[in-house]
Amino acid sequence: MLDQTLLKTSIFVHHTGPFVFNDLTNHLYKCDPEEQRLLARLSVAPASLTALAASDPDPQLAAHVRRLVSAGLLVPASKDETGEFVTHQVDIETCRQCNARCLYCPQSVAPKPRGVMTTELFAHVLDSLGETRPQWVALNHYGEPLLDPHFRDRVRMLRERGFPLHLFTNGTLLRDPLVEFLSDGGLFATVFNFPSIDPDEWCRLMRMTETAYRHARHAIERYLSAGGGRALVAISVNAQTPDREERAVRLSEHFSAFGPIEVFLEDSDSRAGAIENSLVRIDSKGAGQRFGGCARFVNHLHVSWEGKVFLCCQDYEQRVVLGDLRRESIAAIMSSEQARRLRAENAGLFHSLIRRSPRADA
């Protein structure tokens, strides 16, 4: 049966070196060069195993194809994948505001007005996940979650449901009692936005005071010493400057003395044009690794402080709204006609139609 089935590479597949990831199942596979070649070939032109065998002398061809099919990396060419969605990660905008004005963030040019999600709505959003067990839940969308007056209550609610918290923070409001509270666990990871160990450079990039710098540095040191909630602790080094790698090395040298920490370079980008200056990347990274579209549209749920589901983390102003969790289910929103159309466009399935469309200004 499989021999005659026309197969294509799933739109939810991407690769990094020898590793191939299925965004829908959230599983990672190590594929040999022949399997990667098959995925690349079938992403362009679907074919059956019989047709492939006619031009491919590889004696393991059938075994490769069957393994890729069983992993969901190859699917029948007739399959419509545009309605697929599984909630693996969740971003909930519990607080819109931020106390920083980082030069690489849209908050520096268009600060968000005050807006805090009610605890009742937050509970409803978590309940909307049903039996789903997300890999993690984050509490921000360009805001500082520690400004949220209900932060501790939200963490407790996540713990009660067994949902790991992925905390993104600048650390300036992370006082010792809160460090102790977070050290009780329930965390997936904590990522600090801390671009430089040099106070002057930090203050310039974050547009905050030296007092804020001292608070944040002490918080990270204390947090590491307390065990970081028994989860990964990392520092995101933003701002595209010539000394970015040097800044990362110095940060690692300083903070590793207090506990295990991962320091990584963040390719600050323009957030779909929301901010443009010399500190951000305008181009899109990693496009060459994808056979289909962006992973977030198949496994990542974005919820505004009002309960609205919007398209993407890059959508700073939340202009593309897919639905409202106060009135609709996640399944209904993420499989709607609008979501299916956008997912198809995102995966390039409408590319030929778009290319042939007349120019709007013609």
Protein backbone atom coordinates (compact mmCIF):
# COMPACT_ATOMS: atom_id res chain seq x y z
CA MET A 1 0.00 0.00 0.00
CA LEU A 2 2.78 2.41 0.96
CA ASP A 3 4.66 1.61 -2.27
CA GLN A 4 2.05 3.41 -4.40
CA THR A 5 1.18 6.21 -1.96
CA LEU A 6 2.29 9.66 -3.08
CA LEU A 7 4.35 11.10 -0.21
CA LYS A 8 5.46 14.61 0.72
CA THR A 9 7.56 16.12 3.48
CA SER A 10 5.35 17.44 6.27
CA ILE A 11 5.16 21.22 6.49
CA PHE A 12 5.99 20.87 10.18
CA VAL A 13 9.54 19.62 9.68
CA HIS A 14 12.83 21.47 10.01
CA HIS A 15 16.44 20.43 10.47
CA THR A 16 19.62 21.55 12.20
CA GLY A 17 22.65 19.56 11.05
CA PRO A 18 21.87 15.84 11.34
CA PHE A 19 18.82 16.46 13.54
CA VAL A 20 15.29 16.76 12.22
CA PHE A 21 12.45 18.14 14.34
CA ASN A 22 8.73 17.50 13.98
CA ASP A 23 7.02 20.63 15.30
CA LEU A 24 3.62 18.95 15.51
CA THR A 25 4.74 16.05 17.70
CA ASN A 26 7.53 18.05 19.40
CA HIS A 27 9.98 15.19 18.76
CA LEU A 28 13.60 15.30 17.61
CA TYR A 29 15.09 12.68 15.30
CA LYS A 30 18.63 12.03 14.12
CA CYS A 31 18.52 11.39 10.38
CA ASP A 32 21.35 10.15 8.20
CA PRO A 33 22.30 12.00 4.98
CA GLU A 34 20.09 9.74 2.82
CA GLU A 35 17.03 10.49 4.96
CA GLN A 36 17.72 14.21 4.90
CA ARG A 37 18.12 14.03 1.12
CA LEU A 38 14.74 12.30 0.87
CA LEU A 39 13.09 14.97 3.02
CA ALA A 40 14.58 17.74 0.90
CA ARG A 41 13.52 16.02 -2.34
CA LEU A 42 9.95 15.30 -1.23
CA SER A 43 9.49 18.82 0.08
CA VAL A 44 9.75 20.01 -3.52
CA ALA A 45 8.06 17.19 -5.47
CA PRO A 46 5.93 14.43 -3.89
CA ALA A 47 6.66 10.87 -5.05
CA SER A 48 5.76 7.28 -4.21
CA LEU A 49 8.22 4.71 -2.92
CA THR A 50 7.92 2.89 -6.24
CA ALA A 51 8.80 6.03 -8.18
CA LEU A 52 11.70 6.80 -5.85
CA ALA A 53 13.08 3.27 -6.18
CA ALA A 54 13.08 3.54 -9.97
CA SER A 55 15.76 6.22 -9.84
CA ASP A 56 17.43 5.57 -6.49
CA PRO A 57 19.79 2.57 -6.09
CA ASP A 58 19.95 2.87 -2.28
CA PRO A 59 19.18 -0.65 -0.90
CA GLN A 60 17.91 0.92 2.33
CA LEU A 61 15.51 3.26 0.54
CA ALA A 62 12.35 1.47 1.65
CA ALA A 63 13.53 1.30 5.27
CA HIS A 64 14.35 5.02 5.21
CA VAL A 65 10.94 5.92 3.80
CA ARG A 66 9.06 3.76 6.32
CA ARG A 67 11.00 5.26 9.22
CA LEU A 68 10.28 8.81 8.04
CA VAL A 69 6.59 7.97 7.61
CA SER A 70 6.35 6.43 11.09
CA ALA A 71 7.92 9.57 12.56
CA GLY A 72 5.39 11.79 10.77
CA LEU A 73 8.17 13.46 8.78
CA LEU A 74 6.68 12.15 5.54
CA VAL A 75 2.89 12.20 5.07
CA PRO A 76 0.52 11.35 2.19
CA ALA A 77 0.59 14.11 -0.42
CA SER A 78 -3.20 14.30 -0.23
CA LYS A 79 -3.16 15.16 3.47
CA ASP A 80 -4.33 18.67 4.38
CA GLU A 81 -2.13 19.72 7.29
CA THR A 82 -3.35 23.31 7.52
CA GLY A 83 -5.80 22.61 10.36
CA GLU A 84 -3.26 20.89 12.60
CA PHE A 85 -2.34 22.42 15.97
CA VAL A 86 -1.04 20.96 19.24
CA THR A 87 -0.33 23.24 22.21
CA HIS A 88 3.26 22.54 23.28
CA GLN A 89 4.21 26.04 24.47
CA VAL A 90 2.03 28.88 25.76
CA ASP A 91 2.77 32.61 26.02
CA ILE A 92 0.29 34.51 28.19
CA GLU A 93 0.56 38.29 28.37
CA THR A 94 -0.23 38.73 32.06
CA CYS A 95 1.17 42.26 32.17
CA ARG A 96 1.70 44.61 29.21
CA GLN A 97 4.09 47.06 30.82
CA CYS A 98 7.86 46.91 31.14
CA ASN A 99 10.10 48.94 33.44
CA ALA A 100 12.95 48.82 30.90
CA ARG A 101 13.29 50.59 27.57
CA CYS A 102 15.87 48.32 25.92
CA LEU A 103 17.21 49.84 22.71
CA TYR A 104 16.65 46.52 20.90
CA CYS A 105 12.98 46.20 21.96
CA PRO A 106 9.83 47.91 20.61
CA GLN A 107 8.99 48.99 24.17
CA SER A 108 11.70 51.65 23.70
CA VAL A 109 9.87 53.31 20.79
CA ALA A 110 6.22 52.43 21.47
CA PRO A 111 5.73 51.59 25.17
CA LYS A 112 2.66 49.52 26.00
CA PRO A 113 0.01 51.13 28.21
CA ARG A 114 -0.97 49.47 31.47
CA GLY A 115 -2.91 46.23 31.19
CA VAL A 116 -3.05 43.32 33.64
CA MET A 117 -4.91 40.06 33.07
CA THR A 118 -7.38 39.20 35.81
CA THR A 119 -6.74 36.05 37.81
CA GLU A 120 -10.17 34.78 36.76
CA LEU A 121 -9.29 35.08 33.08
CA PHE A 122 -5.87 33.55 33.69
CA ALA A 123 -7.52 30.53 35.33
CA HIS A 124 -9.92 30.28 32.40
CA VAL A 125 -7.03 30.29 29.90
CA LEU A 126 -5.29 27.49 31.82
CA ASP A 127 -8.56 25.54 32.03
CA SER A 128 -8.98 25.97 28.25
CA LEU A 129 -5.94 23.74 27.78
CA GLY A 130 -8.03 20.82 29.04
CA GLU A 131 -5.99 17.63 29.27
CA THR A 132 -3.11 19.19 27.33
CA ARG A 133 0.16 19.25 29.20
CA PRO A 134 2.28 22.01 27.63
CA GLN A 135 6.05 21.82 27.76
CA TRP A 136 6.00 25.23 29.43
CA VAL A 137 3.98 28.40 30.02
CA ALA A 138 5.55 31.88 29.83
CA LEU A 139 3.99 35.02 31.29
CA ASN A 140 4.98 37.79 28.93
CA HIS A 141 4.76 39.44 25.52
CA TYR A 142 7.40 42.19 25.61
CA GLY A 143 6.34 42.98 29.18
CA GLU A 144 8.07 42.41 32.51
CA PRO A 145 6.13 39.65 34.32
CA LEU A 146 7.42 40.70 37.75
CA LEU A 147 5.45 43.97 37.42
CA ASP A 148 2.30 41.86 37.59
CA PRO A 149 0.64 42.29 41.02
CA HIS A 150 -0.72 38.72 40.73
CA PHE A 151 2.57 37.07 39.78
CA ARG A 152 2.80 34.78 42.81
CA ASP A 153 -0.83 33.72 42.46
CA ARG A 154 -0.22 32.81 38.83
CA VAL A 155 2.84 30.74 39.70
CA ARG A 156 0.82 28.89 42.33
CA MET A 157 -1.91 28.19 39.77
CA LEU A 158 0.65 26.82 37.34
CA ARG A 159 2.13 24.62 40.06
CA GLU A 160 -1.30 23.27 40.99
CA ARG A 161 -1.85 22.19 37.40
CA GLY A 162 1.66 20.86 36.88
CA PHE A 163 2.43 23.42 34.15
CA PRO A 164 6.15 24.39 34.21
CA LEU A 165 6.86 28.13 34.19
CA HIS A 166 9.30 29.49 31.60
CA LEU A 167 10.25 32.79 33.20
CA PHE A 168 11.65 35.63 31.09
CA THR A 169 12.68 38.67 33.15
CA ASN A 170 15.20 41.50 33.38
CA GLY A 171 15.65 40.62 37.06
CA THR A 172 15.47 44.17 38.39
CA LEU A 173 12.42 43.34 40.55
CA LEU A 174 13.57 39.89 41.68
CA ARG A 175 14.07 40.51 45.40
CA ASP A 176 15.34 37.85 47.84
CA PRO A 177 11.85 36.76 49.11
CA LEU A 178 10.75 36.16 45.51
CA VAL A 179 13.96 34.23 44.84
CA GLU A 180 13.07 31.95 47.76
CA PHE A 181 9.50 31.58 46.45
CA LEU A 182 10.69 30.57 42.97
CA SER A 183 13.29 28.23 44.45
CA ASP A 184 10.44 25.97 45.57
CA GLY A 185 10.29 24.67 41.99
CA GLY A 186 7.74 24.42 39.23
CA LEU A 187 10.07 25.99 36.69
CA PHE A 188 11.04 24.91 33.19
CA ALA A 189 13.76 27.58 32.94
CA THR A 190 14.57 31.17 33.84
CA VAL A 191 16.03 33.48 31.19
CA PHE A 192 17.42 36.86 32.21
CA ASN A 193 17.69 39.75 29.78
CA PHE A 194 21.07 41.05 30.96
CA PRO A 195 23.15 42.34 28.03
CA SER A 196 26.39 43.34 29.76
CA ILE A 197 28.30 42.99 33.02
CA ASP A 198 29.61 46.54 32.53
CA PRO A 199 27.27 48.92 34.41
CA ASP A 200 27.57 51.79 31.95
CA GLU A 201 26.95 49.57 28.93
CA TRP A 202 24.06 47.79 30.66
CA CYS A 203 22.43 51.13 31.57
CA ARG A 204 22.84 52.44 28.04
CA LEU A 205 21.37 49.35 26.37
CA MET A 206 18.55 48.86 28.89
CA ARG A 207 17.93 52.60 29.44
CA MET A 208 17.74 52.03 33.18
CA THR A 209 19.60 53.34 36.20
CA GLU A 210 22.72 51.93 37.84
CA THR A 211 20.58 51.12 40.89
CA ALA A 212 18.46 48.88 38.65
CA TYR A 213 21.66 47.28 37.33
CA ARG A 214 22.82 46.47 40.87
CA HIS A 215 19.43 44.99 41.76
CA ALA A 216 19.42 42.78 38.65
CA ARG A 217 23.01 41.58 39.08
CA HIS A 218 22.41 40.75 42.75
CA ALA A 219 19.19 38.94 41.83
CA ILE A 220 20.94 36.68 39.32
CA GLU A 221 23.77 35.96 41.74
CA ARG A 222 21.34 35.17 44.56
CA TYR A 223 19.12 33.11 42.27
CA LEU A 224 22.05 30.99 41.11
CA SER A 225 23.29 30.50 44.66
CA ALA A 226 19.81 29.34 45.69
CA GLY A 227 19.76 26.71 42.95
CA GLY A 228 17.67 28.54 40.34
CA GLY A 229 14.52 26.67 41.20
CA ARG A 230 16.28 23.43 40.21
CA ALA A 231 15.90 24.34 36.53
CA LEU A 232 17.96 25.84 33.74
CA VAL A 233 19.11 29.41 34.33
CA ALA A 234 20.26 31.39 31.31
CA ILE A 235 21.24 34.90 30.24
CA SER A 236 20.12 36.22 26.87
CA VAL A 237 22.73 38.57 25.39
CA ASN A 238 20.87 40.97 23.10
CA ALA A 239 21.97 43.88 20.88
CA GLN A 240 23.91 43.33 17.65
CA THR A 241 27.22 45.01 18.50
CA PRO A 242 30.81 44.11 17.48
CA ASP A 243 31.63 43.18 21.08
CA ARG A 244 28.59 40.94 21.61
CA GLU A 245 30.61 37.72 21.92
CA GLU A 246 33.03 39.42 24.29
CA ARG A 247 30.08 40.58 26.42
CA ALA A 248 28.81 37.00 26.58
CA VAL A 249 32.20 35.66 27.69
CA ARG A 250 32.48 38.24 30.45
CA LEU A 251 28.95 37.50 31.66
CA SER A 252 29.69 33.79 31.77
CA GLU A 253 32.93 34.32 33.65
CA HIS A 254 31.21 36.47 36.27
CA PHE A 255 27.99 34.56 36.93
CA SER A 256 29.32 30.99 36.63
CA ALA A 257 31.06 31.58 39.96
CA PHE A 258 27.60 31.55 41.62
CA GLY A 259 26.12 28.46 39.97
CA PRO A 260 25.45 26.69 36.65
CA ILE A 261 24.34 29.13 33.98
CA GLU A 262 23.97 29.17 30.21
CA VAL A 263 24.85 32.37 28.38
CA PHE A 264 23.62 32.58 24.79
CA LEU A 265 23.65 35.15 22.04
CA GLU A 266 20.20 36.38 21.04
CA ASP A 267 19.85 37.59 17.46
CA SER A 268 17.84 40.71 18.27
CA ASP A 269 15.53 41.36 15.35
CA SER A 270 13.16 44.01 14.09
CA ARG A 271 10.01 42.28 15.42
CA ALA A 272 8.39 42.42 11.99
CA GLY A 273 9.43 46.05 11.59
CA ALA A 274 8.31 47.27 15.01
CA ILE A 275 11.83 48.59 15.67
CA GLU A 276 14.73 49.28 13.35
CA ASN A 277 18.19 50.44 14.37
CA SER A 278 21.80 49.26 14.30
CA LEU A 279 21.27 46.95 17.31
CA VAL A 280 18.71 44.68 15.65
CA ARG A 281 18.79 42.22 12.76
CA ILE A 282 16.42 43.03 9.93
CA ASP A 283 16.83 39.74 8.10
CA SER A 284 15.20 36.49 9.19
CA LYS A 285 17.47 33.78 10.56
CA GLY A 286 17.20 30.06 10.02
CA ALA A 287 14.89 30.11 6.99
CA GLY A 288 17.17 27.69 5.18
CA GLN A 289 16.59 25.07 7.87
CA ARG A 290 12.88 24.81 7.19
CA PHE A 291 11.07 22.58 4.75
CA GLY A 292 7.80 24.30 5.67
CA GLY A 293 6.70 27.25 7.80
CA CYS A 294 7.34 28.63 11.28
CA ALA A 295 6.95 26.21 14.20
CA ARG A 296 4.97 28.64 16.30
CA PHE A 297 1.89 28.40 14.14
CA VAL A 298 1.54 24.69 14.87
CA ASN A 299 2.58 24.36 18.51
CA HIS A 300 2.74 27.76 20.19
CA LEU A 301 -0.28 29.55 21.68
CA HIS A 302 -0.12 33.34 22.15
CA VAL A 303 -2.74 34.92 24.45
CA SER A 304 -3.14 38.64 25.12
CA TRP A 305 -3.98 40.15 28.51
CA GLU A 306 -7.59 40.38 27.27
CA GLY A 307 -7.78 36.68 26.39
CA LYS A 308 -7.40 37.14 22.64
CA VAL A 309 -5.34 34.64 20.67
CA PHE A 310 -2.98 36.39 18.25
CA LEU A 311 -0.77 35.04 15.52
CA CYS A 312 2.84 35.43 16.52
CA CYS A 313 5.38 36.56 19.11
CA GLN A 314 6.77 38.96 16.50
CA ASP A 315 3.38 40.70 16.29
CA TYR A 316 4.20 43.38 18.85
CA GLU A 317 0.92 45.26 18.38
CA GLN A 318 -1.12 42.01 18.19
CA ARG A 319 -2.71 43.09 14.92
CA VAL A 320 -3.52 39.58 13.66
CA VAL A 321 -6.12 38.22 16.08
CA LEU A 322 -7.31 34.65 15.49
CA GLY A 323 -10.00 34.45 18.16
CA ASP A 324 -11.02 35.09 21.75
CA LEU A 325 -10.68 32.45 24.49
CA ARG A 326 -13.48 34.10 26.45
CA ARG A 327 -15.90 32.88 23.79
CA GLU A 328 -14.13 30.14 21.78
CA SER A 329 -12.07 27.02 22.40
CA ILE A 330 -8.42 26.67 21.45
CA ALA A 331 -9.33 23.95 18.94
CA ALA A 332 -11.95 26.14 17.25
CA ILE A 333 -9.62 29.14 17.05
CA MET A 334 -6.56 27.30 15.79
CA SER A 335 -8.44 25.27 13.17
CA SER A 336 -10.62 28.12 11.90
CA GLU A 337 -10.70 29.08 8.24
CA GLN A 338 -8.51 32.10 8.99
CA ALA A 339 -5.94 30.01 10.88
CA ARG A 340 -5.84 27.40 8.11
CA ARG A 341 -5.33 30.03 5.43
CA LEU A 342 -2.56 31.78 7.34
CA ARG A 343 -0.88 28.48 8.17
CA ALA A 344 -0.95 27.53 4.49
CA GLU A 345 0.55 30.87 3.49
CA ASN A 346 3.16 30.55 6.23
CA ALA A 347 4.20 27.14 4.89
CA GLY A 348 4.43 28.48 1.34
CA LEU A 349 1.52 26.40 0.04
CA PHE A 350 -0.01 29.46 -1.65
CA HIS A 351 3.29 30.74 -3.01
CA SER A 352 2.44 30.29 -6.68
CA LEU A 353 -0.92 32.03 -6.21
CA ILE A 354 0.69 34.92 -4.37
CA ARG A 355 3.39 35.24 -7.03
CA ARG A 356 0.79 35.47 -9.80
CA SER A 357 -1.40 37.97 -7.98
CA PRO A 358 -1.55 41.44 -9.60
CA ARG A 359 0.21 44.22 -7.77
CA ALA A 360 -2.06 46.32 -5.58
CA ASP A 361 -0.60 49.53 -7.04
CA ALA A 362 -0.80 48.37 -10.66
